[in-house]
Amino acid sequence: MPGSGWARRVGTVAAMVWLAGGGPTSAEEIRNWPCALPLAERFVPEEVWGGALPAPLPASWRSDAAAAEVVAFAANPENPPAQGEARIAAFAGRLGAGRQAALLDVFAGLLEEFNALRGYVIEGVRDFVVRAKILQEAIDKNEAALAALPADGGPEVEQLRNGYLDARAFDARSQDDALEEAEFLCRRYAYLDQKLRRLTAALRSAL
């Protein structure tokens, strides 16, 4: 019979995985969102900025080549927030007339890039949550099949029992892997939020 580790695993799945109906097609269909931060597909500019924007966001931030270079560097996942903050400070230090417009170009670009990155993370969480749900259904079927076997049915029954046990163990390991991947992506989801807010704070300080 399953031990306490199995019970903890099932409890985790119950908390993280239950979805309505079939496979989800949008972020809103993820039930019991597993990440600590609320599910939001896009960053709200005013929330990230910390209040009303000083001017409307530009629609063509890529036309400013210098601002686009800052965006590409700061948004790059390989570059930590401190490096992005330093690049923003260096960029701002060279600005004269049009300072606010240039910094808002960077902000608009960061929002676009971080929205794309957040979308990838949400898709990843969705995929692993759905995978865990499918594996839970397979585990449940093996559990039901095991329970239906007679206690003493001879070698053929024991062979079936061992097959169900092996399949259940394999699916449980795969489910654990999926849940661990979802947990990692939740940390990534939070990191993107923190990084964008740090970079935005650097932009506000440079105004």
C-alpha atoms as a PDB file:
ATOM      1  CA  MET A   1       0.000   0.000   0.000  1.00  0.00           C
ATOM      2  CA  PRO A   2       1.184   3.579  -0.632  1.00  0.00           C
ATOM      3  CA  GLY A   3       3.060   5.286   2.196  1.00  0.00           C
ATOM      4  CA  SER A   4       3.046   8.799   3.549  1.00  0.00           C
ATOM      5  CA  GLY A   5       5.127  10.073   0.617  1.00  0.00           C
ATOM      6  CA  TRP A   6       2.378   8.950  -1.725  1.00  0.00           C
ATOM      7  CA  ALA A   7      -0.234  10.769   0.351  1.00  0.00           C
ATOM      8  CA  ARG A   8       1.784  13.989   0.265  1.00  0.00           C
ATOM      9  CA  ARG A   9       2.146  13.679  -3.504  1.00  0.00           C
ATOM     10  CA  VAL A  10      -1.587  13.235  -4.009  1.00  0.00           C
ATOM     11  CA  GLY A  11      -2.259  16.215  -1.732  1.00  0.00           C
ATOM     12  CA  THR A  12       0.082  18.375  -3.773  1.00  0.00           C
ATOM     13  CA  VAL A  13      -1.617  17.364  -6.981  1.00  0.00           C
ATOM     14  CA  ALA A  14      -5.041  18.101  -5.530  1.00  0.00           C
ATOM     15  CA  ALA A  15      -3.888  21.595  -4.594  1.00  0.00           C
ATOM     16  CA  MET A  16      -2.105  22.395  -7.856  1.00  0.00           C
ATOM     17  CA  VAL A  17      -3.688  20.477 -10.664  1.00  0.00           C
ATOM     18  CA  TRP A  18      -7.492  20.294 -10.757  1.00  0.00           C
ATOM     19  CA  LEU A  19      -8.663  21.864 -14.027  1.00  0.00           C
ATOM     20  CA  ALA A  20     -12.159  22.289 -15.366  1.00  0.00           C
ATOM     21  CA  GLY A  21     -13.107  20.095 -18.312  1.00  0.00           C
ATOM     22  CA  GLY A  22     -10.512  19.239 -20.925  1.00  0.00           C
ATOM     23  CA  GLY A  23      -7.087  20.687 -21.639  1.00  0.00           C
ATOM     24  CA  PRO A  24      -6.877  24.453 -21.174  1.00  0.00           C
ATOM     25  CA  THR A  25      -6.621  26.858 -24.094  1.00  0.00           C
ATOM     26  CA  SER A  26      -6.072  30.110 -22.178  1.00  0.00           C
ATOM     27  CA  ALA A  27      -4.433  31.190 -18.950  1.00  0.00           C
ATOM     28  CA  GLU A  28      -7.806  31.824 -17.323  1.00  0.00           C
ATOM     29  CA  GLU A  29      -8.591  28.103 -17.484  1.00  0.00           C
ATOM     30  CA  ILE A  30      -5.831  27.183 -15.018  1.00  0.00           C
ATOM     31  CA  ARG A  31      -7.576  26.376 -11.745  1.00  0.00           C
ATOM     32  CA  ASN A  32      -5.817  26.732  -8.403  1.00  0.00           C
ATOM     33  CA  TRP A  33      -2.934  28.669  -9.966  1.00  0.00           C
ATOM     34  CA  PRO A  34       0.124  27.156  -8.247  1.00  0.00           C
ATOM     35  CA  CYS A  35       2.326  30.261  -8.116  1.00  0.00           C
ATOM     36  CA  ALA A  36       2.408  32.633  -5.142  1.00  0.00           C
ATOM     37  CA  LEU A  37       1.923  35.704  -7.338  1.00  0.00           C
ATOM     38  CA  PRO A  38      -1.553  36.046  -8.881  1.00  0.00           C
ATOM     39  CA  LEU A  39      -2.044  34.928 -12.456  1.00  0.00           C
ATOM     40  CA  ALA A  40      -1.902  37.873 -14.857  1.00  0.00           C
ATOM     41  CA  GLU A  41      -1.057  37.449 -18.510  1.00  0.00           C
ATOM     42  CA  ARG A  42       0.228  41.003 -18.951  1.00  0.00           C
ATOM     43  CA  PHE A  43       1.856  43.644 -16.804  1.00  0.00           C
ATOM     44  CA  VAL A  44      -0.245  46.748 -16.167  1.00  0.00           C
ATOM     45  CA  PRO A  45       1.964  49.775 -16.943  1.00  0.00           C
ATOM     46  CA  GLU A  46       0.620  51.955 -14.128  1.00  0.00           C
ATOM     47  CA  GLU A  47       1.017  49.189 -11.555  1.00  0.00           C
ATOM     48  CA  VAL A  48       4.607  48.550 -12.591  1.00  0.00           C
ATOM     49  CA  TRP A  49       5.393  52.270 -12.729  1.00  0.00           C
ATOM     50  CA  GLY A  50       3.839  52.816  -9.314  1.00  0.00           C
ATOM     51  CA  GLY A  51       1.271  55.417 -10.364  1.00  0.00           C
ATOM     52  CA  ALA A  52       0.190  57.486 -13.332  1.00  0.00           C
ATOM     53  CA  LEU A  53       2.678  57.614 -16.192  1.00  0.00           C
ATOM     54  CA  PRO A  54       4.273  61.010 -16.880  1.00  0.00           C
ATOM     55  CA  ALA A  55       3.187  60.751 -20.528  1.00  0.00           C
ATOM     56  CA  PRO A  56       1.520  58.222 -22.835  1.00  0.00           C
ATOM     57  CA  LEU A  57       3.713  55.288 -23.789  1.00  0.00           C
ATOM     58  CA  PRO A  58       5.209  55.500 -27.278  1.00  0.00           C
ATOM     59  CA  ALA A  59       3.983  53.033 -29.843  1.00  0.00           C
ATOM     60  CA  SER A  60       7.259  52.895 -31.783  1.00  0.00           C
ATOM     61  CA  TRP A  61       9.956  52.531 -29.150  1.00  0.00           C
ATOM     62  CA  ARG A  62      12.123  50.497 -31.540  1.00  0.00           C
ATOM     63  CA  SER A  63      12.685  53.594 -33.675  1.00  0.00           C
ATOM     64  CA  ASP A  64      15.080  54.825 -30.963  1.00  0.00           C
ATOM     65  CA  ALA A  65      18.073  52.560 -31.600  1.00  0.00           C
ATOM     66  CA  ALA A  66      19.842  53.506 -28.365  1.00  0.00           C
ATOM     67  CA  ALA A  67      16.733  52.831 -26.267  1.00  0.00           C
ATOM     68  CA  ALA A  68      16.145  49.534 -28.086  1.00  0.00           C
ATOM     69  CA  GLU A  69      19.701  48.459 -27.251  1.00  0.00           C
ATOM     70  CA  VAL A  70      19.092  49.172 -23.560  1.00  0.00           C
ATOM     71  CA  VAL A  71      15.845  47.199 -23.687  1.00  0.00           C
ATOM     72  CA  ALA A  72      17.522  44.214 -25.352  1.00  0.00           C
ATOM     73  CA  PHE A  73      20.296  44.160 -22.758  1.00  0.00           C
ATOM     74  CA  ALA A  74      18.145  44.756 -19.669  1.00  0.00           C
ATOM     75  CA  ALA A  75      15.423  42.281 -20.689  1.00  0.00           C
ATOM     76  CA  ASN A  76      17.887  39.534 -21.597  1.00  0.00           C
ATOM     77  CA  PRO A  77      17.359  36.712 -19.062  1.00  0.00           C
ATOM     78  CA  GLU A  78      21.129  36.189 -18.894  1.00  0.00           C
ATOM     79  CA  ASN A  79      21.661  39.694 -17.482  1.00  0.00           C
ATOM     80  CA  PRO A  80      20.744  40.195 -13.803  1.00  0.00           C
ATOM     81  CA  PRO A  81      18.775  43.251 -12.656  1.00  0.00           C
ATOM     82  CA  ALA A  82      21.846  45.082 -11.339  1.00  0.00           C
ATOM     83  CA  GLN A  83      23.457  45.036 -14.787  1.00  0.00           C
ATOM     84  CA  GLY A  84      20.249  46.305 -16.356  1.00  0.00           C
ATOM     85  CA  GLU A  85      20.045  49.097 -13.788  1.00  0.00           C
ATOM     86  CA  ALA A  86      23.625  50.108 -14.569  1.00  0.00           C
ATOM     87  CA  ARG A  87      22.920  50.133 -18.313  1.00  0.00           C
ATOM     88  CA  ILE A  88      19.845  52.327 -17.747  1.00  0.00           C
ATOM     89  CA  ALA A  89      21.866  54.748 -15.602  1.00  0.00           C
ATOM     90  CA  ALA A  90      24.584  54.968 -18.251  1.00  0.00           C
ATOM     91  CA  PHE A  91      21.980  55.552 -20.966  1.00  0.00           C
ATOM     92  CA  ALA A  92      20.239  58.243 -18.940  1.00  0.00           C
ATOM     93  CA  GLY A  93      23.535  59.960 -18.229  1.00  0.00           C
ATOM     94  CA  ARG A  94      23.968  60.690 -21.937  1.00  0.00           C
ATOM     95  CA  LEU A  95      20.488  62.117 -22.441  1.00  0.00           C
ATOM     96  CA  GLY A  96      19.725  65.786 -22.914  1.00  0.00           C
ATOM     97  CA  ALA A  97      16.605  67.155 -24.556  1.00  0.00           C
ATOM     98  CA  GLY A  98      13.936  64.512 -24.942  1.00  0.00           C
ATOM     99  CA  ARG A  99      15.073  62.725 -21.796  1.00  0.00           C
ATOM    100  CA  GLN A 100      11.583  61.745 -20.670  1.00  0.00           C
ATOM    101  CA  ALA A 101      10.582  60.458 -24.106  1.00  0.00           C
ATOM    102  CA  ALA A 102      13.736  58.345 -24.356  1.00  0.00           C
ATOM    103  CA  LEU A 103      13.234  56.804 -20.929  1.00  0.00           C
ATOM    104  CA  LEU A 104       9.600  56.057 -21.706  1.00  0.00           C
ATOM    105  CA  ASP A 105      10.784  54.376 -24.901  1.00  0.00           C
ATOM    106  CA  VAL A 106      12.835  52.056 -22.711  1.00  0.00           C
ATOM    107  CA  PHE A 107       9.896  51.459 -20.377  1.00  0.00           C
ATOM    108  CA  ALA A 108       7.575  50.632 -23.289  1.00  0.00           C
ATOM    109  CA  GLY A 109      10.159  48.215 -24.641  1.00  0.00           C
ATOM    110  CA  LEU A 110      10.671  46.541 -21.286  1.00  0.00           C
ATOM    111  CA  LEU A 111       6.929  46.065 -20.887  1.00  0.00           C
ATOM    112  CA  GLU A 112       6.678  44.428 -24.301  1.00  0.00           C
ATOM    113  CA  GLU A 113       9.639  42.134 -23.728  1.00  0.00           C
ATOM    114  CA  PHE A 114       8.625  41.139 -20.207  1.00  0.00           C
ATOM    115  CA  ASN A 115       5.048  40.492 -21.315  1.00  0.00           C
ATOM    116  CA  ALA A 116       6.438  38.071 -23.906  1.00  0.00           C
ATOM    117  CA  LEU A 117       8.660  36.382 -21.316  1.00  0.00           C
ATOM    118  CA  ARG A 118       5.753  36.108 -18.876  1.00  0.00           C
ATOM    119  CA  GLY A 119       3.638  34.534 -21.614  1.00  0.00           C
ATOM    120  CA  TYR A 120       6.254  31.830 -22.157  1.00  0.00           C
ATOM    121  CA  VAL A 121       6.359  31.107 -18.430  1.00  0.00           C
ATOM    122  CA  ILE A 122       2.569  30.869 -18.154  1.00  0.00           C
ATOM    123  CA  GLU A 123       2.482  28.466 -21.093  1.00  0.00           C
ATOM    124  CA  GLY A 124       5.112  26.352 -19.358  1.00  0.00           C
ATOM    125  CA  VAL A 125       3.194  26.269 -16.087  1.00  0.00           C
ATOM    126  CA  ARG A 126       0.044  25.304 -17.976  1.00  0.00           C
ATOM    127  CA  ASP A 127       1.800  22.476 -19.802  1.00  0.00           C
ATOM    128  CA  PHE A 128       3.284  20.955 -16.644  1.00  0.00           C
ATOM    129  CA  VAL A 129       0.027  21.314 -14.702  1.00  0.00           C
ATOM    130  CA  VAL A 130      -1.892  19.561 -17.474  1.00  0.00           C
ATOM    131  CA  ARG A 131       0.792  16.863 -17.631  1.00  0.00           C
ATOM    132  CA  ALA A 132       0.464  16.300 -13.889  1.00  0.00           C
ATOM    133  CA  LYS A 133      -3.317  16.042 -14.220  1.00  0.00           C
ATOM    134  CA  ILE A 134      -3.062  13.467 -16.994  1.00  0.00           C
ATOM    135  CA  LEU A 135      -0.574  11.454 -14.955  1.00  0.00           C
ATOM    136  CA  GLN A 136      -2.866  11.633 -11.919  1.00  0.00           C
ATOM    137  CA  GLU A 137      -5.657  10.132 -14.000  1.00  0.00           C
ATOM    138  CA  ALA A 138      -3.339   7.304 -15.047  1.00  0.00           C
ATOM    139  CA  ILE A 139      -2.313   6.744 -11.413  1.00  0.00           C
ATOM    140  CA  ASP A 140      -5.946   6.633 -10.346  1.00  0.00           C
ATOM    141  CA  LYS A 141      -6.699   4.001 -12.996  1.00  0.00           C
ATOM    142  CA  ASN A 142      -3.811   1.845 -11.786  1.00  0.00           C
ATOM    143  CA  GLU A 143      -5.008   2.272  -8.205  1.00  0.00           C
ATOM    144  CA  ALA A 144      -8.486   1.115  -9.197  1.00  0.00           C
ATOM    145  CA  ALA A 145      -7.068  -1.846 -11.113  1.00  0.00           C
ATOM    146  CA  LEU A 146      -4.924  -2.847  -8.129  1.00  0.00           C
ATOM    147  CA  ALA A 147      -7.886  -2.629  -5.779  1.00  0.00           C
ATOM    148  CA  ALA A 148      -9.927  -4.861  -8.081  1.00  0.00           C
ATOM    149  CA  LEU A 149      -7.390  -7.693  -8.076  1.00  0.00           C
ATOM    150  CA  PRO A 150      -8.097 -10.639  -5.780  1.00  0.00           C
ATOM    151  CA  ALA A 151      -5.838 -10.924  -2.763  1.00  0.00           C
ATOM    152  CA  ASP A 152      -4.745 -14.440  -3.742  1.00  0.00           C
ATOM    153  CA  GLY A 153      -5.095 -15.174  -7.431  1.00  0.00           C
ATOM    154  CA  GLY A 154      -1.996 -17.083  -8.337  1.00  0.00           C
ATOM    155  CA  PRO A 155       1.006 -16.196 -10.520  1.00  0.00           C
ATOM    156  CA  GLU A 156      -1.012 -14.503 -13.273  1.00  0.00           C
ATOM    157  CA  VAL A 157      -2.658 -12.134 -10.821  1.00  0.00           C
ATOM    158  CA  GLU A 158       0.683 -11.378  -9.187  1.00  0.00           C
ATOM    159  CA  GLN A 159       2.140 -10.598 -12.592  1.00  0.00           C
ATOM    160  CA  LEU A 160      -0.702  -8.171 -13.218  1.00  0.00           C
ATOM    161  CA  ARG A 161      -0.233  -6.662  -9.755  1.00  0.00           C
ATOM    162  CA  ASN A 162       3.466  -6.079 -10.379  1.00  0.00           C
ATOM    163  CA  GLY A 163       2.709  -4.496 -13.731  1.00  0.00           C
ATOM    164  CA  TYR A 164       0.221  -2.071 -12.176  1.00  0.00           C
ATOM    165  CA  LEU A 165       2.657  -1.254  -9.376  1.00  0.00           C
ATOM    166  CA  ASP A 166       5.470  -0.562 -11.836  1.00  0.00           C
ATOM    167  CA  ALA A 167       3.235   1.624 -13.997  1.00  0.00           C
ATOM    168  CA  ARG A 168       1.998   3.544 -10.953  1.00  0.00           C
ATOM    169  CA  ALA A 169       5.547   4.132  -9.729  1.00  0.00           C
ATOM    170  CA  PHE A 170       6.680   5.354 -13.144  1.00  0.00           C
ATOM    171  CA  ASP A 171       3.739   7.717 -13.485  1.00  0.00           C
ATOM    172  CA  ALA A 172       4.272   9.013  -9.936  1.00  0.00           C
ATOM    173  CA  ARG A 173       7.914   9.821 -10.679  1.00  0.00           C
ATOM    174  CA  SER A 174       6.915  11.562 -13.896  1.00  0.00           C
ATOM    175  CA  GLN A 175       4.267  13.504 -12.015  1.00  0.00           C
ATOM    176  CA  ASP A 176       6.786  14.617  -9.412  1.00  0.00           C
ATOM    177  CA  ASP A 177       9.035  15.849 -12.220  1.00  0.00           C
ATOM    178  CA  ALA A 178       6.173  17.831 -13.766  1.00  0.00           C
ATOM    179  CA  LEU A 179       5.275  19.438 -10.437  1.00  0.00           C
ATOM    180  CA  GLU A 180       8.902  20.341  -9.780  1.00  0.00           C
ATOM    181  CA  GLU A 181       9.129  21.968 -13.201  1.00  0.00           C
ATOM    182  CA  ALA A 182       5.945  23.941 -12.495  1.00  0.00           C
ATOM    183  CA  GLU A 183       7.412  25.057  -9.163  1.00  0.00           C
ATOM    184  CA  PHE A 184      10.596  26.234 -10.899  1.00  0.00           C
ATOM    185  CA  LEU A 185       8.568  28.206 -13.424  1.00  0.00           C
ATOM    186  CA  CYS A 186       6.641  29.810 -10.566  1.00  0.00           C
ATOM    187  CA  ARG A 187       9.959  31.090  -9.247  1.00  0.00           C
ATOM    188  CA  ARG A 188      10.750  32.353 -12.733  1.00  0.00           C
ATOM    189  CA  TYR A 189       7.346  34.068 -12.862  1.00  0.00           C
ATOM    190  CA  ALA A 190       8.107  35.903  -9.614  1.00  0.00           C
ATOM    191  CA  TYR A 191      11.638  36.773 -10.747  1.00  0.00           C
ATOM    192  CA  LEU A 192      10.340  38.439 -13.916  1.00  0.00           C
ATOM    193  CA  ASP A 193       8.034  40.608 -11.819  1.00  0.00           C
ATOM    194  CA  GLN A 194      10.815  41.600  -9.430  1.00  0.00           C
ATOM    195  CA  LYS A 195      13.308  42.308 -12.207  1.00  0.00           C
ATOM    196  CA  LEU A 196      10.896  44.475 -14.203  1.00  0.00           C
ATOM    197  CA  ARG A 197      10.030  46.513 -11.121  1.00  0.00           C
ATOM    198  CA  ARG A 198      13.704  47.076 -10.318  1.00  0.00           C
ATOM    199  CA  LEU A 199      14.411  48.222 -13.854  1.00  0.00           C
ATOM    200  CA  THR A 200      11.363  50.497 -13.764  1.00  0.00           C
ATOM    201  CA  ALA A 201      12.562  52.018 -10.490  1.00  0.00           C
ATOM    202  CA  ALA A 202      15.865  52.792 -12.201  1.00  0.00           C
ATOM    203  CA  LEU A 203      13.998  54.541 -15.008  1.00  0.00           C
ATOM    204  CA  ARG A 204      11.951  56.619 -12.575  1.00  0.00           C
ATOM    205  CA  SER A 205      15.087  57.619 -10.695  1.00  0.00           C
ATOM    206  CA  ALA A 206      16.676  58.746 -13.965  1.00  0.00           C
ATOM    207  CA  LEU A 207      13.849  61.121 -14.907  1.00  0.00           C
END
